PDB file of N, CA and C in Angstrom:
ATOM      1  N   ALA A   1       0.829  -1.207   0.000  1.00  0.00           N
ATOM      2  CA  ALA A   1       0.000   0.000   0.000  1.00  0.00           C
ATOM      3  C   ALA A   1       0.863   1.255   0.000  1.00  0.00           C
ATOM      4  N   ASP A   2       2.040   1.230   0.633  1.00  0.00           N
ATOM      5  CA  ASP A   2       2.913   2.401   0.652  1.00  0.00           C
ATOM      6  C   ASP A   2       3.397   2.755  -0.747  1.00  0.00           C
ATOM      7  N   ARG A   3       3.713   1.743  -1.531  1.00  0.00           N
ATOM      8  CA  ARG A   3       4.147   1.991  -2.905  1.00  0.00           C
ATOM      9  C   ARG A   3       2.997   2.589  -3.713  1.00  0.00           C
ATOM     10  N   ALA A   4       1.799   2.073  -3.505  1.00  0.00           N
ATOM     11  CA  ALA A   4       0.634   2.604  -4.212  1.00  0.00           C
ATOM     12  C   ALA A   4       0.389   4.059  -3.832  1.00  0.00           C
ATOM     13  N   THR A   5       0.540   4.382  -2.554  1.00  0.00           N
ATOM     14  CA  THR A   5       0.356   5.762  -2.105  1.00  0.00           C
ATOM     15  C   THR A   5       1.409   6.670  -2.724  1.00  0.00           C
ATOM     16  N   ALA A   6       2.654   6.227  -2.751  1.00  0.00           N
ATOM     17  CA  ALA A   6       3.726   7.032  -3.335  1.00  0.00           C
ATOM     18  C   ALA A   6       3.486   7.265  -4.825  1.00  0.00           C
ATOM     19  N   THR A   7       3.082   6.231  -5.524  1.00  0.00           N
ATOM     20  CA  THR A   7       2.791   6.359  -6.954  1.00  0.00           C
ATOM     21  C   THR A   7       1.639   7.322  -7.179  1.00  0.00           C
ATOM     22  N   TRP A   8       0.593   7.182  -6.365  1.00  0.00           N
ATOM     23  CA  TRP A   8      -0.562   8.068  -6.468  1.00  0.00           C
ATOM     24  C   TRP A   8      -0.148   9.511  -6.198  1.00  0.00           C
ATOM     25  N   ALA A   9       0.639   9.727  -5.148  1.00  0.00           N
ATOM     26  CA  ALA A   9       1.059  11.081  -4.778  1.00  0.00           C
ATOM     27  C   ALA A   9       1.867  11.733  -5.896  1.00  0.00           C
ATOM     28  N   ARG A  10       2.735  10.975  -6.507  1.00  0.00           N
ATOM     29  CA  ARG A  10       3.550  11.525  -7.596  1.00  0.00           C
ATOM     30  C   ARG A  10       2.680  11.904  -8.796  1.00  0.00           C
ATOM     31  N   ALA A  11       1.648  11.125  -9.040  1.00  0.00           N
ATOM     32  CA  ALA A  11       0.734  11.419 -10.149  1.00  0.00           C
ATOM     33  C   ALA A  11      -0.141  12.638  -9.858  1.00  0.00           C
ATOM     34  N   HIS A  12      -0.328  12.953  -8.584  1.00  0.00           N
ATOM     35  CA  HIS A  12      -1.180  14.075  -8.173  1.00  0.00           C
ATOM     36  C   HIS A  12      -0.376  15.160  -7.457  1.00  0.00           C
ATOM     37  N   ALA A  13       0.892  15.270  -7.819  1.00  0.00           N
ATOM     38  CA  ALA A  13       1.801  16.196  -7.138  1.00  0.00           C
ATOM     39  C   ALA A  13       1.302  17.639  -7.165  1.00  0.00           C
ATOM     40  N   ALA A  14       0.798  18.095  -8.290  1.00  0.00           N
ATOM     41  CA  ALA A  14       0.353  19.487  -8.383  1.00  0.00           C
ATOM     42  C   ALA A  14      -0.782  19.765  -7.405  1.00  0.00           C
ATOM     43  N   ASP A  15      -1.759  18.866  -7.338  1.00  0.00           N
ATOM     44  CA  ASP A  15      -2.876  19.045  -6.404  1.00  0.00           C
ATOM     45  C   ASP A  15      -2.396  19.027  -4.955  1.00  0.00           C
ATOM     46  N   LEU A  16      -1.509  18.094  -4.648  1.00  0.00           N
ATOM     47  CA  LEU A  16      -0.993  17.996  -3.281  1.00  0.00           C
ATOM     48  C   LEU A  16      -0.206  19.245  -2.907  1.00  0.00           C
ATOM     49  N   ARG A  17       0.630  19.722  -3.805  1.00  0.00           N
ATOM     50  CA  ARG A  17       1.437  20.911  -3.506  1.00  0.00           C
ATOM     51  C   ARG A  17       0.569  22.162  -3.381  1.00  0.00           C
ATOM     52  N   ARG A  18      -0.437  22.276  -4.234  1.00  0.00           N
ATOM     53  CA  ARG A  18      -1.346  23.423  -4.147  1.00  0.00           C
ATOM     54  C   ARG A  18      -2.042  23.444  -2.798  1.00  0.00           C
ATOM     55  N   LEU A  19      -2.579  22.303  -2.408  1.00  0.00           N
ATOM     56  CA  LEU A  19      -3.292  22.204  -1.137  1.00  0.00           C
ATOM     57  C   LEU A  19      -2.348  22.431   0.042  1.00  0.00           C
ATOM     58  N   ALA A  20      -1.164  21.859  -0.023  1.00  0.00           N
ATOM     59  CA  ALA A  20      -0.182  22.047   1.052  1.00  0.00           C
ATOM     60  C   ALA A  20       0.212  23.517   1.177  1.00  0.00           C
ATOM     61  N   GLY A  21       0.374  24.189   0.058  1.00  0.00           N
ATOM     62  CA  GLY A  21       0.706  25.612   0.088  1.00  0.00           C
ATOM     63  C   GLY A  21      -0.392  26.441   0.723  1.00  0.00           C
ATOM     64  N   GLN A  22      -1.632  26.135   0.380  1.00  0.00           N
ATOM     65  CA  GLN A  22      -2.755  26.874   0.956  1.00  0.00           C
ATOM     66  C   GLN A  22      -2.845  26.652   2.460  1.00  0.00           C
ATOM     67  N   ILE A  23      -2.682  25.414   2.889  1.00  0.00           N
ATOM     68  CA  ILE A  23      -2.799  25.109   4.316  1.00  0.00           C
ATOM     69  C   ILE A  23      -1.606  25.659   5.091  1.00  0.00           C
ATOM     70  N   SER A  24      -0.426  25.566   4.529  1.00  0.00           N
ATOM     71  CA  SER A  24       0.743  26.069   5.262  1.00  0.00           C
ATOM     72  C   SER A  24       0.715  27.590   5.385  1.00  0.00           C
ATOM     73  N   ALA A  25      -0.035  28.272   4.524  1.00  0.00           N
ATOM     74  CA  ALA A  25      -0.139  29.730   4.586  1.00  0.00           C
ATOM     75  C   ALA A  25      -1.214  30.224   5.555  1.00  0.00           C
ATOM     76  N   LEU A  26      -2.030  29.331   6.085  1.00  0.00           N
ATOM     77  CA  LEU A  26      -3.088  29.759   7.003  1.00  0.00           C
ATOM     78  C   LEU A  26      -2.484  30.392   8.252  1.00  0.00           C
ATOM     79  N   ASP A  27      -3.074  31.503   8.672  1.00  0.00           N
ATOM     80  CA  ASP A  27      -2.584  32.159   9.886  1.00  0.00           C
ATOM     81  C   ASP A  27      -3.648  32.224  10.978  1.00  0.00           C
ATOM     82  N   ASP A  28      -4.735  31.481  10.789  1.00  0.00           N
ATOM     83  CA  ASP A  28      -5.818  31.518  11.772  1.00  0.00           C
ATOM     84  C   ASP A  28      -6.028  30.181  12.481  1.00  0.00           C
ATOM     85  N   LEU A  29      -4.999  29.346  12.500  1.00  0.00           N
ATOM     86  CA  LEU A  29      -5.122  28.044  13.155  1.00  0.00           C
ATOM     87  C   LEU A  29      -4.775  28.150  14.633  1.00  0.00           C
ATOM     88  N   ALA A  30      -5.278  27.208  15.401  1.00  0.00           N
ATOM     89  CA  ALA A  30      -4.970  27.151  16.830  1.00  0.00           C
ATOM     90  C   ALA A  30      -3.472  26.915  17.022  1.00  0.00           C
ATOM     91  N   PRO A  31      -2.917  27.385  18.127  1.00  0.00           N
ATOM     92  CA  PRO A  31      -1.483  27.172  18.391  1.00  0.00           C
ATOM     93  C   PRO A  31      -1.080  25.696  18.361  1.00  0.00           C
ATOM     94  N   GLU A  32      -2.002  24.812  18.699  1.00  0.00           N
ATOM     95  CA  GLU A  32      -1.710  23.375  18.694  1.00  0.00           C
ATOM     96  C   GLU A  32      -1.388  22.859  17.298  1.00  0.00           C
ATOM     97  N   ALA A  33      -1.810  23.584  16.281  1.00  0.00           N
ATOM     98  CA  ALA A  33      -1.575  23.169  14.896  1.00  0.00           C
ATOM     99  C   ALA A  33      -0.168  23.505  14.411  1.00  0.00           C
ATOM    100  N   CYS A  34       0.543  24.331  15.152  1.00  0.00           N
ATOM    101  CA  CYS A  34       1.851  24.822  14.695  1.00  0.00           C
ATOM    102  C   CYS A  34       2.835  23.709  14.322  1.00  0.00           C
ATOM    103  N   PRO A  35       3.037  22.678  15.150  1.00  0.00           N
ATOM    104  CA  PRO A  35       3.986  21.629  14.745  1.00  0.00           C
ATOM    105  C   PRO A  35       3.572  20.907  13.454  1.00  0.00           C
ATOM    106  N   ALA A  36       2.291  20.621  13.314  1.00  0.00           N
ATOM    107  CA  ALA A  36       1.811  19.943  12.107  1.00  0.00           C
ATOM    108  C   ALA A  36       1.932  20.856  10.890  1.00  0.00           C
ATOM    109  N   GLN A  37       1.657  22.130  11.083  1.00  0.00           N
ATOM    110  CA  GLN A  37       1.760  23.083   9.982  1.00  0.00           C
ATOM    111  C   GLN A  37       3.223  23.263   9.563  1.00  0.00           C
ATOM    112  N   THR A  38       4.125  23.289  10.527  1.00  0.00           N
ATOM    113  CA  THR A  38       5.554  23.384  10.225  1.00  0.00           C
ATOM    114  C   THR A  38       6.027  22.148   9.464  1.00  0.00           C
ATOM    115  N   ALA A  39       5.564  20.980   9.885  1.00  0.00           N
ATOM    116  CA  ALA A  39       5.923  19.738   9.187  1.00  0.00           C
ATOM    117  C   ALA A  39       5.409  19.763   7.749  1.00  0.00           C
ATOM    118  N   LEU A  40       4.207  20.282   7.550  1.00  0.00           N
ATOM    119  CA  LEU A  40       3.648  20.385   6.204  1.00  0.00           C
ATOM    120  C   LEU A  40       4.483  21.345   5.361  1.00  0.00           C
ATOM    121  N   HIS A  41       4.839  22.468   5.929  1.00  0.00           N
ATOM    122  CA  HIS A  41       5.654  23.448   5.213  1.00  0.00           C
ATOM    123  C   HIS A  41       7.000  22.842   4.815  1.00  0.00           C
ATOM    124  N   THR A  42       7.605  22.089   5.714  1.00  0.00           N
ATOM    125  CA  THR A  42       8.877  21.422   5.425  1.00  0.00           C
ATOM    126  C   THR A  42       8.710  20.401   4.300  1.00  0.00           C
ATOM    127  N   ALA A  43       7.646  19.604   4.364  1.00  0.00           N
ATOM    128  CA  ALA A  43       7.389  18.591   3.335  1.00  0.00           C
ATOM    129  C   ALA A  43       7.130  19.229   1.973  1.00  0.00           C
ATOM    130  N   LEU A  44       6.603  20.431   1.983  1.00  0.00           N
ATOM    131  CA  LEU A  44       6.334  21.128   0.727  1.00  0.00           C
ATOM    132  C   LEU A  44       7.623  21.367  -0.058  1.00  0.00           C
ATOM    133  N   GLY A  45       8.735  21.477   0.638  1.00  0.00           N
ATOM    134  CA  GLY A  45      10.017  21.677  -0.022  1.00  0.00           C
ATOM    135  C   GLY A  45      10.686  20.395  -0.487  1.00  0.00           C
ATOM    136  N   ALA A  46      10.112  19.256  -0.160  1.00  0.00           N
ATOM    137  CA  ALA A  46      10.700  17.971  -0.554  1.00  0.00           C
ATOM    138  C   ALA A  46      10.522  17.745  -2.053  1.00  0.00           C
ATOM    139  N   ALA A  47      11.467  17.053  -2.638  1.00  0.00           N
ATOM    140  CA  ALA A  47      11.396  16.759  -4.071  1.00  0.00           C
ATOM    141  C   ALA A  47      10.280  15.773  -4.397  1.00  0.00           C
ATOM    142  N   ASP A  48       9.985  14.873  -3.478  1.00  0.00           N
ATOM    143  CA  ASP A  48       8.999  13.817  -3.710  1.00  0.00           C
ATOM    144  C   ASP A  48       7.653  14.208  -3.097  1.00  0.00           C
ATOM    145  N   ALA A  49       6.639  14.318  -3.926  1.00  0.00           N
ATOM    146  CA  ALA A  49       5.305  14.694  -3.458  1.00  0.00           C
ATOM    147  C   ALA A  49       4.721  13.683  -2.484  1.00  0.00           C
ATOM    148  N   ALA A  50       5.216  12.461  -2.489  1.00  0.00           N
ATOM    149  CA  ALA A  50       4.720  11.448  -1.552  1.00  0.00           C
ATOM    150  C   ALA A  50       4.959  11.866  -0.106  1.00  0.00           C
ATOM    151  N   GLU A  51       5.945  12.722   0.116  1.00  0.00           N
ATOM    152  CA  GLU A  51       6.230  13.191   1.469  1.00  0.00           C
ATOM    153  C   GLU A  51       5.178  14.158   1.993  1.00  0.00           C
ATOM    154  N   LEU A  52       4.258  14.588   1.148  1.00  0.00           N
ATOM    155  CA  LEU A  52       3.183  15.491   1.564  1.00  0.00           C
ATOM    156  C   LEU A  52       1.981  14.753   2.136  1.00  0.00           C
ATOM    157  N   VAL A  53       1.828  13.490   1.823  1.00  0.00           N
ATOM    158  CA  VAL A  53       0.610  12.762   2.184  1.00  0.00           C
ATOM    159  C   VAL A  53       0.383  12.749   3.693  1.00  0.00           C
ATOM    160  N   ALA A  54       1.344  12.298   4.462  1.00  0.00           N
ATOM    161  CA  ALA A  54       1.165  12.218   5.919  1.00  0.00           C
ATOM    162  C   ALA A  54       0.985  13.595   6.555  1.00  0.00           C
ATOM    163  N   PRO A  55       1.808  14.603   6.213  1.00  0.00           N
ATOM    164  CA  PRO A  55       1.588  15.917   6.819  1.00  0.00           C
ATOM    165  C   PRO A  55       0.236  16.535   6.460  1.00  0.00           C
ATOM    166  N   LEU A  56      -0.238  16.310   5.243  1.00  0.00           N
ATOM    167  CA  LEU A  56      -1.573  16.809   4.890  1.00  0.00           C
ATOM    168  C   LEU A  56      -2.639  16.121   5.735  1.00  0.00           C
ATOM    169  N   THR A  57      -2.532  14.822   5.873  1.00  0.00           N
ATOM    170  CA  THR A  57      -3.479  14.068   6.698  1.00  0.00           C
ATOM    171  C   THR A  57      -3.425  14.547   8.144  1.00  0.00           C
ATOM    172  N   ASP A  58      -2.234  14.836   8.636  1.00  0.00           N
ATOM    173  CA  ASP A  58      -2.070  15.294  10.015  1.00  0.00           C
ATOM    174  C   ASP A  58      -2.689  16.666  10.256  1.00  0.00           C
ATOM    175  N   MET A  59      -2.854  17.465   9.215  1.00  0.00           N
ATOM    176  CA  MET A  59      -3.452  18.795   9.365  1.00  0.00           C
ATOM    177  C   MET A  59      -4.973  18.758   9.458  1.00  0.00           C
ATOM    178  N   ARG A  60      -5.582  17.702   8.984  1.00  0.00           N
ATOM    179  CA  ARG A  60      -7.048  17.622   8.901  1.00  0.00           C
ATOM    180  C   ARG A  60      -7.752  17.961  10.217  1.00  0.00           C
ATOM    181  N   PRO A  61      -7.300  17.473  11.389  1.00  0.00           N
ATOM    182  CA  PRO A  61      -8.010  17.783  12.639  1.00  0.00           C
ATOM    183  C   PRO A  61      -7.980  19.266  13.023  1.00  0.00           C
ATOM    184  N   TYR A  62      -7.060  20.023  12.465  1.00  0.00           N
ATOM    185  CA  TYR A  62      -6.932  21.434  12.841  1.00  0.00           C
ATOM    186  C   TYR A  62      -7.750  22.368  11.954  1.00  0.00           C
ATOM    187  N   LEU A  63      -8.341  21.840  10.914  1.00  0.00           N
ATOM    188  CA  LEU A  63      -9.161  22.650  10.018  1.00  0.00           C
ATOM    189  C   LEU A  63     -10.604  22.601  10.491  1.00  0.00           C
ATOM    190  N   ASP A  64     -11.252  23.765  10.517  1.00  0.00           N
ATOM    191  CA  ASP A  64     -12.612  23.832  11.053  1.00  0.00           C
ATOM    192  C   ASP A  64     -13.559  24.488  10.052  1.00  0.00           C
ATOM    193  N   ALA A  65     -14.665  24.995  10.546  1.00  0.00           N
ATOM    194  CA  ALA A  65     -15.706  25.564   9.687  1.00  0.00           C
ATOM    195  C   ALA A  65     -15.208  26.750   8.861  1.00  0.00           C
ATOM    196  N   ARG A  66     -14.142  27.374   9.280  1.00  0.00           N
ATOM    197  CA  ARG A  66     -13.579  28.489   8.504  1.00  0.00           C
ATOM    198  C   ARG A  66     -12.842  27.998   7.263  1.00  0.00           C
ATOM    199  N   HIS A  67     -12.597  26.704   7.203  1.00  0.00           N
ATOM    200  CA  HIS A  67     -11.761  26.132   6.142  1.00  0.00           C
ATOM    201  C   HIS A  67     -12.499  25.056   5.341  1.00  0.00           C
ATOM    202  N   THR A  68     -13.782  25.251   5.108  1.00  0.00           N
ATOM    203  CA  THR A  68     -14.587  24.198   4.476  1.00  0.00           C
ATOM    204  C   THR A  68     -14.070  23.808   3.093  1.00  0.00           C
ATOM    205  N   GLY A  69     -13.595  24.763   2.330  1.00  0.00           N
ATOM    206  CA  GLY A  69     -13.066  24.447   1.005  1.00  0.00           C
ATOM    207  C   GLY A  69     -11.822  23.578   1.079  1.00  0.00           C
ATOM    208  N   LEU A  70     -10.941  23.889   2.024  1.00  0.00           N
ATOM    209  CA  LEU A  70      -9.730  23.090   2.200  1.00  0.00           C
ATOM    210  C   LEU A  70     -10.066  21.700   2.719  1.00  0.00           C
ATOM    211  N   VAL A  71     -11.023  21.627   3.638  1.00  0.00           N
ATOM    212  CA  VAL A  71     -11.452  20.325   4.166  1.00  0.00           C
ATOM    213  C   VAL A  71     -12.020  19.475   3.033  1.00  0.00           C
ATOM    214  N   ALA A  72     -12.854  20.074   2.202  1.00  0.00           N
ATOM    215  CA  ALA A  72     -13.442  19.333   1.081  1.00  0.00           C
ATOM    216  C   ALA A  72     -12.354  18.846   0.122  1.00  0.00           C
ATOM    217  N   SER A  73     -11.368  19.690  -0.143  1.00  0.00           N
ATOM    218  CA  SER A  73     -10.269  19.283  -1.025  1.00  0.00           C
ATOM    219  C   SER A  73      -9.448  18.158  -0.417  1.00  0.00           C
ATOM    220  N   LEU A  74      -9.147  18.262   0.878  1.00  0.00           N
ATOM    221  CA  LEU A  74      -8.412  17.190   1.567  1.00  0.00           C
ATOM    222  C   LEU A  74      -9.186  15.886   1.537  1.00  0.00           C
ATOM    223  N   ASP A  75     -10.478  15.974   1.838  1.00  0.00           N
ATOM    224  CA  ASP A  75     -11.308  14.769   1.852  1.00  0.00           C
ATOM    225  C   ASP A  75     -11.396  14.139   0.464  1.00  0.00           C
ATOM    226  N   ALA A  76     -11.520  14.966  -0.564  1.00  0.00           N
ATOM    227  CA  ALA A  76     -11.599  14.445  -1.931  1.00  0.00           C
ATOM    228  C   ALA A  76     -10.293  13.757  -2.328  1.00  0.00           C
ATOM    229  N   LEU A  77      -9.167  14.369  -1.984  1.00  0.00           N
ATOM    230  CA  LEU A  77      -7.880  13.734  -2.284  1.00  0.00           C
ATOM    231  C   LEU A  77      -7.726  12.425  -1.531  1.00  0.00           C
ATOM    232  N   GLU A  78      -8.118  12.412  -0.273  1.00  0.00           N
ATOM    233  CA  GLU A  78      -8.009  11.182   0.523  1.00  0.00           C
ATOM    234  C   GLU A  78      -8.911  10.090  -0.052  1.00  0.00           C
ATOM    235  N   ASP A  79     -10.113  10.460  -0.479  1.00  0.00           N
ATOM    236  CA  ASP A  79     -11.014   9.479  -1.091  1.00  0.00           C
ATOM    237  C   ASP A  79     -10.404   8.899  -2.367  1.00  0.00           C
ATOM    238  N   ARG A  80      -9.820   9.762  -3.188  1.00  0.00           N
ATOM    239  CA  ARG A  80      -9.193   9.286  -4.425  1.00  0.00           C
ATOM    240  C   ARG A  80      -8.009   8.387  -4.121  1.00  0.00           C
ATOM    241  N   ARG A  81      -7.221   8.769  -3.112  1.00  0.00           N
ATOM    242  CA  ARG A  81      -6.044   7.974  -2.758  1.00  0.00           C
ATOM    243  C   ARG A  81      -6.447   6.610  -2.232  1.00  0.00           C
ATOM    244  N   THR A  82      -7.424   6.560  -1.327  1.00  0.00           N
ATOM    245  CA  THR A  82      -7.810   5.276  -0.746  1.00  0.00           C
ATOM    246  C   THR A  82      -8.524   4.402  -1.767  1.00  0.00           C
ATOM    247  N   THR A  83      -9.276   5.008  -2.674  1.00  0.00           N
ATOM    248  CA  THR A  83      -9.918   4.237  -3.739  1.00  0.00           C
ATOM    249  C   THR A  83      -8.861   3.621  -4.645  1.00  0.00           C
ATOM    250  N   LYS A  84      -7.843   4.394  -4.998  1.00  0.00           N
ATOM    251  CA  LYS A  84      -6.756   3.891  -5.846  1.00  0.00           C
ATOM    252  C   LYS A  84      -5.993   2.780  -5.133  1.00  0.00           C
ATOM    253  N   ALA A  85      -5.705   2.974  -3.843  1.00  0.00           N
ATOM    254  CA  ALA A  85      -4.973   1.957  -3.079  1.00  0.00           C
ATOM    255  C   ALA A  85      -5.779   0.669  -2.982  1.00  0.00           C
ATOM    256  N   ALA A  86      -7.087   0.787  -2.809  1.00  0.00           N
ATOM    257  CA  ALA A  86      -7.940  -0.399  -2.691  1.00  0.00           C
ATOM    258  C   ALA A  86      -7.994  -1.173  -4.006  1.00  0.00           C
ATOM    259  N   THR A  87      -7.993  -0.464  -5.121  1.00  0.00           N
ATOM    260  CA  THR A  87      -8.049  -1.161  -6.407  1.00  0.00           C
ATOM    261  C   THR A  87      -6.707  -1.766  -6.782  1.00  0.00           C
ATOM    262  N   ASP A  88      -5.623  -1.263  -6.176  1.00  0.00           N
ATOM    263  CA  ASP A  88      -4.289  -1.811  -6.455  1.00  0.00           C
ATOM    264  C   ASP A  88      -3.974  -3.039  -5.623  1.00  0.00           C
ATOM    265  N   ASP A  89      -4.718  -3.262  -4.543  1.00  0.00           N
ATOM    266  CA  ASP A  89      -4.443  -4.415  -3.656  1.00  0.00           C
ATOM    267  C   ASP A  89      -4.899  -5.721  -4.234  1.00  0.00           C
TER     268      ASP A  89
END
Protein backbone atom coordinates (compact mmCIF):
# COMPACT_ATOMS: atom_id res chain seq x y z
CA ALA A 1 0.00 0.00 0.00
CA ASP A 2 2.91 2.40 0.65
CA ARG A 3 4.15 1.99 -2.90
CA ALA A 4 0.63 2.60 -4.21
CA THR A 5 0.36 5.76 -2.10
CA ALA A 6 3.73 7.03 -3.34
CA THR A 7 2.79 6.36 -6.95
CA TRP A 8 -0.56 8.07 -6.47
CA ALA A 9 1.06 11.08 -4.78
CA ARG A 10 3.55 11.53 -7.60
CA ALA A 11 0.73 11.42 -10.15
CA HIS A 12 -1.18 14.08 -8.17
CA ALA A 13 1.80 16.20 -7.14
CA ALA A 14 0.35 19.49 -8.38
CA ASP A 15 -2.88 19.04 -6.40
CA LEU A 16 -0.99 18.00 -3.28
CA ARG A 17 1.44 20.91 -3.51
CA ARG A 18 -1.35 23.42 -4.15
CA LEU A 19 -3.29 22.20 -1.14
CA ALA A 20 -0.18 22.05 1.05
CA GLY A 21 0.71 25.61 0.09
CA GLN A 22 -2.76 26.87 0.96
CA ILE A 23 -2.80 25.11 4.32
CA SER A 24 0.74 26.07 5.26
CA ALA A 25 -0.14 29.73 4.59
CA LEU A 26 -3.09 29.76 7.00
CA ASP A 27 -2.58 32.16 9.89
CA ASP A 28 -5.82 31.52 11.77
CA LEU A 29 -5.12 28.04 13.15
CA ALA A 30 -4.97 27.15 16.83
CA PRO A 31 -1.48 27.17 18.39
CA GLU A 32 -1.71 23.37 18.69
CA ALA A 33 -1.58 23.17 14.90
CA CYS A 34 1.85 24.82 14.70
CA PRO A 35 3.99 21.63 14.74
CA ALA A 36 1.81 19.94 12.11
CA GLN A 37 1.76 23.08 9.98
CA THR A 38 5.55 23.38 10.23
CA ALA A 39 5.92 19.74 9.19
CA LEU A 40 3.65 20.39 6.20
CA HIS A 41 5.65 23.45 5.21
CA THR A 42 8.88 21.42 5.43
CA ALA A 43 7.39 18.59 3.34
CA LEU A 44 6.33 21.13 0.73
CA GLY A 45 10.02 21.68 -0.02
CA ALA A 46 10.70 17.97 -0.55
CA ALA A 47 11.40 16.76 -4.07
CA ASP A 48 9.00 13.82 -3.71
CA ALA A 49 5.31 14.69 -3.46
CA ALA A 50 4.72 11.45 -1.55
CA GLU A 51 6.23 13.19 1.47
CA LEU A 52 3.18 15.49 1.56
CA VAL A 53 0.61 12.76 2.18
CA ALA A 54 1.17 12.22 5.92
CA PRO A 55 1.59 15.92 6.82
CA LEU A 56 -1.57 16.81 4.89
CA THR A 57 -3.48 14.07 6.70
CA ASP A 58 -2.07 15.29 10.02
CA MET A 59 -3.45 18.80 9.37
CA ARG A 60 -7.05 17.62 8.90
CA PRO A 61 -8.01 17.78 12.64
CA TYR A 62 -6.93 21.43 12.84
CA LEU A 63 -9.16 22.65 10.02
CA ASP A 64 -12.61 23.83 11.05
CA ALA A 65 -15.71 25.56 9.69
CA ARG A 66 -13.58 28.49 8.50
CA HIS A 67 -11.76 26.13 6.14
CA THR A 68 -14.59 24.20 4.48
CA GLY A 69 -13.07 24.45 1.01
CA LEU A 70 -9.73 23.09 2.20
CA VAL A 71 -11.45 20.33 4.17
CA ALA A 72 -13.44 19.33 1.08
CA SER A 73 -10.27 19.28 -1.02
CA LEU A 74 -8.41 17.19 1.57
CA ASP A 75 -11.31 14.77 1.85
CA ALA A 76 -11.60 14.44 -1.93
CA LEU A 77 -7.88 13.73 -2.28
CA GLU A 78 -8.01 11.18 0.52
CA ASP A 79 -11.01 9.48 -1.09
CA ARG A 80 -9.19 9.29 -4.42
CA ARG A 81 -6.04 7.97 -2.76
CA THR A 82 -7.81 5.28 -0.75
CA THR A 83 -9.92 4.24 -3.74
CA LYS A 84 -6.76 3.89 -5.85
CA ALA A 85 -4.97 1.96 -3.08
CA ALA A 86 -7.94 -0.40 -2.69
CA THR A 87 -8.05 -1.16 -6.41
CA ASP A 88 -4.29 -1.81 -6.45
CA ASP A 89 -4.44 -4.41 -3.66
